[in-house]
N, C-alpha and C. Protein backbone atom coordinates (compact mmCIF):
# COMPACT_ATOMS: atom_id res chain seq x y z
N UNK A 1 92.01 30.03 109.56
CA UNK A 1 92.37 31.25 108.80
C UNK A 1 92.81 32.37 109.72
N UNK A 2 93.27 32.02 110.91
CA UNK A 2 93.84 32.97 111.85
C UNK A 2 95.25 32.52 112.19
N UNK A 3 96.18 33.43 112.08
CA UNK A 3 97.57 33.15 112.42
C UNK A 3 97.91 33.89 113.70
N UNK A 4 98.56 33.20 114.63
CA UNK A 4 98.96 33.75 115.90
C UNK A 4 100.47 33.65 116.04
N UNK A 5 101.11 34.75 116.42
CA UNK A 5 102.55 34.78 116.60
C UNK A 5 102.87 35.32 117.98
N UNK A 6 103.57 34.50 118.78
CA UNK A 6 103.97 34.89 120.12
C UNK A 6 105.40 35.42 120.11
N UNK A 7 105.69 36.28 121.08
CA UNK A 7 107.04 36.77 121.27
C UNK A 7 107.21 37.22 122.72
N UNK A 8 108.45 37.43 123.13
CA UNK A 8 108.73 37.97 124.45
C UNK A 8 109.33 36.99 125.44
N UNK A 9 109.41 35.71 125.08
CA UNK A 9 109.99 34.74 125.99
C UNK A 9 111.50 34.87 126.07
N UNK A 10 112.08 34.14 127.01
CA UNK A 10 113.52 34.16 127.18
C UNK A 10 113.94 33.57 128.50
N UNK A 11 115.22 33.74 128.83
CA UNK A 11 115.79 33.26 130.08
C UNK A 11 115.81 34.40 131.09
N UNK A 12 115.16 34.20 132.24
CA UNK A 12 115.09 35.22 133.27
C UNK A 12 115.38 34.60 134.63
N UNK A 13 115.77 35.43 135.58
CA UNK A 13 116.02 34.98 136.93
C UNK A 13 114.73 34.96 137.75
N UNK A 14 114.68 34.07 138.72
CA UNK A 14 113.53 34.02 139.62
C UNK A 14 113.31 35.37 140.28
N UNK A 15 112.04 35.77 140.38
CA UNK A 15 111.69 37.06 140.95
C UNK A 15 111.52 38.15 139.93
N UNK A 16 111.94 37.92 138.70
CA UNK A 16 111.80 38.91 137.65
C UNK A 16 110.43 38.87 137.01
N UNK A 17 110.28 39.67 135.95
CA UNK A 17 109.01 39.78 135.24
C UNK A 17 109.21 39.63 133.74
N UNK A 18 108.16 39.20 133.06
CA UNK A 18 108.16 39.07 131.61
C UNK A 18 106.83 39.57 131.06
N UNK A 19 106.88 40.11 129.85
CA UNK A 19 105.69 40.51 129.13
C UNK A 19 105.69 39.81 127.78
N UNK A 20 104.74 38.90 127.59
CA UNK A 20 104.61 38.16 126.35
C UNK A 20 103.57 38.83 125.45
N UNK A 21 103.79 38.76 124.15
CA UNK A 21 102.91 39.39 123.17
C UNK A 21 102.38 38.35 122.20
N UNK A 22 101.10 38.45 121.85
CA UNK A 22 100.47 37.62 120.83
C UNK A 22 99.81 38.54 119.81
N UNK A 23 100.21 38.40 118.55
CA UNK A 23 99.63 39.18 117.46
C UNK A 23 98.85 38.24 116.54
N UNK A 24 97.58 38.54 116.31
CA UNK A 24 96.72 37.74 115.45
C UNK A 24 96.53 38.42 114.10
N UNK A 25 96.47 37.62 113.05
CA UNK A 25 96.22 38.14 111.71
C UNK A 25 95.33 37.17 110.95
N UNK A 26 94.76 37.65 109.84
CA UNK A 26 93.83 36.84 109.07
C UNK A 26 92.39 37.22 109.38
N UNK A 27 91.52 36.23 109.44
CA UNK A 27 90.09 36.47 109.65
C UNK A 27 89.75 36.54 111.13
N UNK A 28 90.28 37.56 111.79
CA UNK A 28 90.01 37.77 113.21
C UNK A 28 88.64 38.42 113.40
N UNK A 29 88.01 38.16 114.54
CA UNK A 29 86.73 38.74 114.91
C UNK A 29 86.82 39.23 116.34
N UNK A 30 86.09 40.30 116.63
CA UNK A 30 86.09 40.84 117.98
C UNK A 30 85.44 39.89 118.97
N UNK A 31 84.35 39.22 118.54
CA UNK A 31 83.71 38.24 119.40
C UNK A 31 84.56 36.98 119.40
N UNK A 32 85.50 36.93 120.31
CA UNK A 32 86.45 35.83 120.38
C UNK A 32 87.12 35.85 121.74
N UNK A 33 87.74 34.73 122.07
CA UNK A 33 88.55 34.61 123.27
C UNK A 33 90.01 34.47 122.86
N UNK A 34 90.86 35.29 123.44
CA UNK A 34 92.29 35.14 123.29
C UNK A 34 92.85 34.65 124.62
N UNK A 35 93.61 33.58 124.58
CA UNK A 35 94.04 32.92 125.80
C UNK A 35 95.52 32.56 125.73
N UNK A 36 96.09 32.32 126.90
CA UNK A 36 97.45 31.81 127.03
C UNK A 36 97.42 30.48 127.77
N UNK A 37 98.10 29.50 127.21
CA UNK A 37 98.34 28.21 127.85
C UNK A 37 99.84 28.00 127.95
N UNK A 38 100.25 27.06 128.80
CA UNK A 38 101.66 26.70 128.88
C UNK A 38 101.80 25.20 129.02
N UNK A 39 102.95 24.69 128.59
CA UNK A 39 103.21 23.26 128.66
C UNK A 39 104.69 23.03 128.95
N UNK A 40 104.94 22.34 130.05
CA UNK A 40 106.29 21.94 130.43
C UNK A 40 106.53 20.50 130.00
N UNK A 41 107.79 20.09 129.82
CA UNK A 41 108.07 18.71 129.42
C UNK A 41 107.47 17.70 130.38
N UNK A 42 106.78 16.70 129.82
CA UNK A 42 106.16 15.66 130.63
C UNK A 42 104.84 16.04 131.27
N UNK A 43 104.34 17.25 131.03
CA UNK A 43 103.09 17.69 131.61
C UNK A 43 102.09 18.05 130.52
N UNK A 44 100.82 18.07 130.90
CA UNK A 44 99.77 18.46 129.97
C UNK A 44 99.70 19.97 129.84
N UNK A 45 99.12 20.42 128.74
CA UNK A 45 98.96 21.85 128.51
C UNK A 45 98.02 22.45 129.57
N UNK A 46 98.43 23.57 130.16
CA UNK A 46 97.77 24.16 131.31
C UNK A 46 97.24 25.55 130.98
N UNK A 47 96.00 25.83 131.37
CA UNK A 47 95.41 27.14 131.19
C UNK A 47 96.08 28.16 132.09
N UNK A 48 96.43 29.32 131.53
CA UNK A 48 97.09 30.38 132.29
C UNK A 48 96.19 31.60 132.45
N UNK A 49 95.66 32.12 131.33
CA UNK A 49 94.85 33.33 131.37
C UNK A 49 94.08 33.47 130.07
N UNK A 50 92.99 34.24 130.10
CA UNK A 50 92.21 34.50 128.89
C UNK A 50 91.48 35.82 129.02
N UNK A 51 91.15 36.42 127.88
CA UNK A 51 90.41 37.68 127.84
C UNK A 51 89.42 37.62 126.68
N UNK A 52 88.19 38.09 126.91
CA UNK A 52 87.17 38.13 125.88
C UNK A 52 87.24 39.44 125.10
N UNK A 53 86.46 39.52 124.02
CA UNK A 53 86.41 40.74 123.23
C UNK A 53 85.85 41.92 123.99
N UNK A 54 85.04 41.68 125.02
CA UNK A 54 84.47 42.74 125.83
C UNK A 54 85.33 43.10 127.04
N UNK A 55 86.45 42.40 127.22
CA UNK A 55 87.38 42.74 128.28
C UNK A 55 87.31 41.89 129.53
N UNK A 56 86.44 40.89 129.57
CA UNK A 56 86.40 40.00 130.73
C UNK A 56 87.64 39.12 130.77
N UNK A 57 88.16 38.88 131.95
CA UNK A 57 89.38 38.09 132.11
C UNK A 57 89.18 36.97 133.10
N UNK A 58 90.04 35.95 132.98
CA UNK A 58 90.06 34.84 133.92
C UNK A 58 91.48 34.30 133.97
N UNK A 59 91.84 33.70 135.13
CA UNK A 59 93.21 33.25 135.35
C UNK A 59 93.23 31.88 135.97
N UNK A 60 94.27 31.12 135.65
CA UNK A 60 94.46 29.83 136.27
C UNK A 60 94.85 29.97 137.72
N UNK A 61 94.45 28.99 138.54
CA UNK A 61 94.68 29.07 139.98
C UNK A 61 96.17 29.16 140.33
N UNK A 62 97.01 28.52 139.55
CA UNK A 62 98.43 28.47 139.87
C UNK A 62 99.15 29.78 139.65
N UNK A 63 98.54 30.73 138.92
CA UNK A 63 99.23 31.97 138.58
C UNK A 63 98.40 33.21 138.83
N UNK A 64 97.21 33.09 139.37
CA UNK A 64 96.24 34.19 139.41
C UNK A 64 96.75 35.43 140.15
N UNK A 65 97.63 35.27 141.12
CA UNK A 65 98.14 36.40 141.88
C UNK A 65 99.33 37.08 141.23
N UNK A 66 99.85 36.51 140.14
CA UNK A 66 101.08 37.01 139.54
C UNK A 66 100.95 37.34 138.06
N UNK A 67 99.76 37.18 137.49
CA UNK A 67 99.57 37.30 136.05
C UNK A 67 98.50 38.33 135.73
N UNK A 68 98.71 39.04 134.62
CA UNK A 68 97.71 39.98 134.11
C UNK A 68 97.64 39.84 132.59
N UNK A 69 96.43 39.77 132.04
CA UNK A 69 96.24 39.69 130.60
C UNK A 69 95.48 40.92 130.13
N UNK A 70 95.84 41.42 128.95
CA UNK A 70 95.16 42.56 128.36
C UNK A 70 95.05 42.36 126.85
N UNK A 71 94.21 43.20 126.21
CA UNK A 71 93.91 43.01 124.79
C UNK A 71 93.56 44.34 124.15
N UNK A 72 94.00 44.52 122.91
CA UNK A 72 93.63 45.67 122.11
C UNK A 72 93.01 45.14 120.82
N UNK A 73 91.68 45.23 120.72
CA UNK A 73 90.97 44.60 119.61
C UNK A 73 91.36 45.17 118.25
N UNK A 74 91.52 46.48 118.15
CA UNK A 74 91.85 47.10 116.87
C UNK A 74 93.21 46.66 116.36
N UNK A 75 94.11 46.32 117.27
CA UNK A 75 95.45 45.86 116.88
C UNK A 75 95.56 44.35 116.82
N UNK A 76 94.48 43.65 117.18
CA UNK A 76 94.48 42.18 117.21
C UNK A 76 95.65 41.64 118.03
N UNK A 77 95.87 42.24 119.18
CA UNK A 77 97.02 41.93 119.99
C UNK A 77 96.61 41.69 121.44
N UNK A 78 97.24 40.70 122.07
CA UNK A 78 97.04 40.43 123.48
C UNK A 78 98.39 40.31 124.16
N UNK A 79 98.44 40.68 125.43
CA UNK A 79 99.66 40.63 126.22
C UNK A 79 99.43 39.82 127.48
N UNK A 80 100.48 39.15 127.91
CA UNK A 80 100.48 38.44 129.17
C UNK A 80 101.68 38.92 129.99
N UNK A 81 101.41 39.48 131.15
CA UNK A 81 102.47 39.92 132.05
C UNK A 81 102.55 38.98 133.24
N UNK A 82 103.75 38.47 133.51
CA UNK A 82 103.98 37.56 134.62
C UNK A 82 104.98 38.22 135.56
N UNK A 83 104.59 38.35 136.81
CA UNK A 83 105.45 38.94 137.83
C UNK A 83 105.94 37.86 138.80
N UNK A 84 107.02 38.18 139.51
CA UNK A 84 107.59 37.27 140.51
C UNK A 84 107.74 35.86 139.94
N UNK A 85 108.45 35.77 138.85
CA UNK A 85 108.62 34.49 138.17
C UNK A 85 109.30 33.46 139.06
N UNK A 86 108.86 32.21 138.93
CA UNK A 86 109.38 31.09 139.68
C UNK A 86 109.87 30.02 138.73
N UNK A 87 110.81 29.16 139.17
CA UNK A 87 111.26 28.07 138.29
C UNK A 87 110.12 27.21 137.76
N UNK A 88 109.05 27.04 138.52
CA UNK A 88 107.91 26.25 138.08
C UNK A 88 107.15 26.89 136.92
N UNK A 89 107.44 28.16 136.61
CA UNK A 89 106.83 28.82 135.46
C UNK A 89 107.51 28.45 134.16
N UNK A 90 108.63 27.75 134.22
CA UNK A 90 109.35 27.35 133.01
C UNK A 90 108.48 26.46 132.14
N UNK A 91 108.26 26.88 130.90
CA UNK A 91 107.39 26.15 129.98
C UNK A 91 107.39 26.84 128.63
N UNK A 92 106.81 26.15 127.65
CA UNK A 92 106.49 26.78 126.39
C UNK A 92 105.12 27.44 126.54
N UNK A 93 105.03 28.71 126.22
CA UNK A 93 103.79 29.46 126.35
C UNK A 93 103.15 29.65 124.98
N UNK A 94 101.87 29.27 124.87
CA UNK A 94 101.14 29.31 123.62
C UNK A 94 99.98 30.29 123.68
N UNK A 95 99.79 31.03 122.61
CA UNK A 95 98.61 31.86 122.43
C UNK A 95 97.55 31.06 121.70
N UNK A 96 96.28 31.19 122.12
CA UNK A 96 95.18 30.46 121.51
C UNK A 96 94.01 31.40 121.22
N UNK A 97 93.19 31.03 120.23
CA UNK A 97 92.11 31.88 119.74
C UNK A 97 90.85 31.03 119.58
N UNK A 98 89.76 31.44 120.22
CA UNK A 98 88.47 30.76 120.14
C UNK A 98 87.51 31.69 119.41
N UNK A 99 87.28 31.44 118.13
CA UNK A 99 86.48 32.34 117.29
C UNK A 99 85.00 32.27 117.65
N UNK A 100 84.34 33.42 117.63
CA UNK A 100 82.90 33.57 117.84
C UNK A 100 82.46 33.12 119.23
N UNK A 101 83.35 33.20 120.19
CA UNK A 101 83.04 32.82 121.57
C UNK A 101 82.99 34.06 122.45
N UNK A 102 82.03 34.07 123.38
CA UNK A 102 81.90 35.15 124.35
C UNK A 102 82.25 34.70 125.76
N UNK A 103 82.25 33.39 126.00
CA UNK A 103 82.57 32.83 127.31
C UNK A 103 83.95 32.20 127.28
N UNK A 104 84.71 32.42 128.34
CA UNK A 104 86.05 31.87 128.45
C UNK A 104 85.98 30.40 128.82
N UNK A 105 86.76 29.59 128.12
CA UNK A 105 86.88 28.17 128.41
C UNK A 105 88.30 27.85 128.86
N UNK A 106 88.42 26.90 129.81
CA UNK A 106 89.72 26.43 130.26
C UNK A 106 90.23 25.26 129.44
N UNK A 107 89.41 24.75 128.53
CA UNK A 107 89.70 23.51 127.82
C UNK A 107 90.47 23.76 126.54
N UNK A 108 91.55 23.01 126.35
CA UNK A 108 92.35 23.10 125.13
C UNK A 108 91.50 22.83 123.89
N UNK A 109 90.56 21.89 123.99
CA UNK A 109 89.77 21.45 122.85
C UNK A 109 88.84 22.52 122.30
N UNK A 110 88.55 23.56 123.06
CA UNK A 110 87.61 24.59 122.62
C UNK A 110 88.25 25.64 121.71
N UNK A 111 89.56 25.67 121.63
CA UNK A 111 90.25 26.73 120.88
C UNK A 111 90.56 26.29 119.46
N UNK A 112 90.30 27.19 118.51
CA UNK A 112 90.38 26.88 117.09
C UNK A 112 91.77 27.04 116.51
N UNK A 113 92.55 27.97 117.03
CA UNK A 113 93.85 28.29 116.46
C UNK A 113 94.89 28.42 117.56
N UNK A 114 96.12 28.08 117.21
CA UNK A 114 97.24 28.11 118.14
C UNK A 114 98.48 28.69 117.48
N UNK A 115 99.26 29.42 118.27
CA UNK A 115 100.56 29.86 117.80
C UNK A 115 101.61 28.78 117.99
N UNK A 116 102.84 29.08 117.56
CA UNK A 116 103.93 28.12 117.66
C UNK A 116 104.57 28.10 119.05
N UNK A 117 104.31 29.11 119.86
CA UNK A 117 104.80 29.14 121.22
C UNK A 117 106.06 29.98 121.38
N UNK A 118 106.28 30.45 122.60
CA UNK A 118 107.51 31.14 122.97
C UNK A 118 108.00 30.56 124.30
N UNK A 119 109.28 30.23 124.36
CA UNK A 119 109.84 29.54 125.52
C UNK A 119 110.17 30.52 126.64
N UNK A 120 109.73 30.19 127.85
CA UNK A 120 110.07 30.93 129.06
C UNK A 120 110.86 29.99 129.97
N UNK A 121 112.07 30.40 130.34
CA UNK A 121 112.91 29.62 131.24
C UNK A 121 113.30 30.49 132.42
N UNK A 122 113.02 30.02 133.63
CA UNK A 122 113.28 30.77 134.85
C UNK A 122 114.36 30.05 135.64
N UNK A 123 115.46 30.73 135.91
CA UNK A 123 116.55 30.16 136.67
C UNK A 123 116.46 30.58 138.13
N UNK A 124 116.91 29.71 139.03
CA UNK A 124 116.88 29.99 140.45
C UNK A 124 118.16 30.65 140.92
């Protein structure tokens, strides 16, 4: 009963930056984890970043120096900013929601709801 809609993807040159947006609607709760995953063709879905309702954050090892996640609970919105984009960042980026959770999980199986994704393509 939670709908997630991502936006902000597109075609960018290597070295540039992107800001992705996830808007949640429906039966949202503050005690929850909002996360970003990505999946490239032929690869498994990969954890990118997550933020709890209290503001704690965590990042995947492959992007930790170039990514920032933020959240506004009253607006049910989360943002993912990626700096110094590389061709290896090319993937479909998904927003995920783990209801009634206070601890961040890296596992796809722990998340209850998923958006349809927004495509990020980085050219060299």
